[in-house]
Amino acid sequence: MTQPLRIHHQDKDYFYQLISPRKLTRETTEIELLLDNSSLKLLKNEAGWTVSGSLEQSREEVVALIVRSLASRYGI
């Protein structure tokens, strides 16, 4: 697991940690992470990154911000 990372959305802080893989590259197609102590799996397809399973609308916005954060941090 990596160090906790933080994003801020709608006056609230969200903390997340990467579970796997340990190193992200442009070839990464699956990311597991913990968001506020719940596990999420992100999958990459032709349209971009999606969440495996369903989420409520507010969580979808937070996950979209996490993907943007990871993309700028790791170049994925």
Protein backbone atom coordinates (compact mmCIF):
# COMPACT_ATOMS: atom_id res chain seq x y z
CA MET A 1 0.00 0.00 0.00
CA THR A 2 1.16 3.53 -0.68
CA GLN A 3 1.03 6.57 1.52
CA PRO A 4 -2.40 8.16 1.99
CA LEU A 5 -3.26 10.70 -0.68
CA ARG A 6 -5.82 13.48 -0.30
CA ILE A 7 -8.24 15.29 -2.58
CA HIS A 8 -10.64 18.06 -1.67
CA HIS A 9 -14.18 18.14 -3.12
CA GLN A 10 -17.18 20.23 -2.10
CA ASP A 11 -15.62 21.42 1.17
CA LYS A 12 -14.68 17.89 2.23
CA ASP A 13 -11.35 16.04 2.27
CA TYR A 14 -11.18 12.49 0.94
CA PHE A 15 -8.24 10.21 1.64
CA TYR A 16 -7.30 7.28 -0.56
CA GLN A 17 -4.49 4.75 -0.82
CA LEU A 18 -3.37 2.60 -3.70
CA ILE A 19 -3.54 -1.11 -2.90
CA SER A 20 -2.22 -2.38 -6.24
CA PRO A 21 -0.29 -2.12 -8.41
CA ARG A 22 2.63 -0.66 -6.51
CA LYS A 23 3.86 1.16 -9.61
CA LEU A 24 1.49 2.83 -12.06
CA THR A 25 2.41 3.15 -15.75
CA ARG A 26 0.61 3.98 -18.98
CA GLU A 27 0.13 0.21 -19.47
CA THR A 28 -1.75 -0.16 -16.16
CA THR A 29 -5.32 -1.33 -16.82
CA GLU A 30 -6.51 -2.08 -13.28
CA ILE A 31 -6.07 -0.15 -10.04
CA GLU A 32 -7.28 -1.16 -6.60
CA LEU A 33 -7.57 1.53 -3.97
CA LEU A 34 -9.05 2.29 -0.59
CA LEU A 35 -11.32 5.33 -0.42
CA ASP A 36 -12.36 6.20 3.11
CA ASN A 37 -11.77 2.58 4.16
CA SER A 38 -13.82 1.02 1.35
CA SER A 39 -12.16 -0.88 -1.48
CA LEU A 40 -12.66 0.19 -5.11
CA LYS A 41 -11.42 -1.30 -8.35
CA LEU A 42 -10.81 1.00 -11.33
CA LEU A 43 -10.68 -0.52 -14.81
CA LYS A 44 -9.27 1.13 -17.91
CA ASN A 45 -11.07 0.70 -21.24
CA GLU A 46 -11.23 2.61 -24.55
CA ALA A 47 -13.41 5.34 -23.00
CA GLY A 48 -11.16 5.89 -19.99
CA TRP A 49 -11.29 4.73 -16.39
CA THR A 50 -14.45 3.22 -14.88
CA VAL A 51 -15.33 1.75 -11.50
CA SER A 52 -16.06 -1.94 -11.22
CA GLY A 53 -19.56 -2.11 -9.74
CA SER A 54 -21.99 0.71 -9.05
CA LEU A 55 -21.52 3.88 -7.01
CA GLU A 56 -23.74 6.66 -5.81
CA GLN A 57 -23.47 9.92 -7.77
CA SER A 58 -21.38 11.78 -5.18
CA ARG A 59 -18.83 8.94 -5.10
CA GLU A 60 -18.60 8.93 -8.91
CA GLU A 61 -17.52 12.58 -8.81
CA VAL A 62 -14.90 11.82 -6.17
CA VAL A 63 -13.58 8.83 -8.16
CA ALA A 64 -13.34 11.02 -11.28
CA LEU A 65 -11.23 13.50 -9.29
CA ILE A 66 -9.05 10.64 -8.00
CA VAL A 67 -8.44 9.44 -11.57
CA ARG A 68 -7.46 12.99 -12.60
CA SER A 69 -5.13 13.21 -9.62
CA LEU A 70 -3.51 9.86 -10.41
CA ALA A 71 -3.17 10.77 -14.09
CA SER A 72 -1.32 13.97 -13.30
CA ARG A 73 0.80 12.39 -10.57
CA TYR A 74 1.76 9.17 -12.39
CA GLY A 75 1.13 9.98 -16.06
CA ILE A 76 -1.40 7.21 -16.63
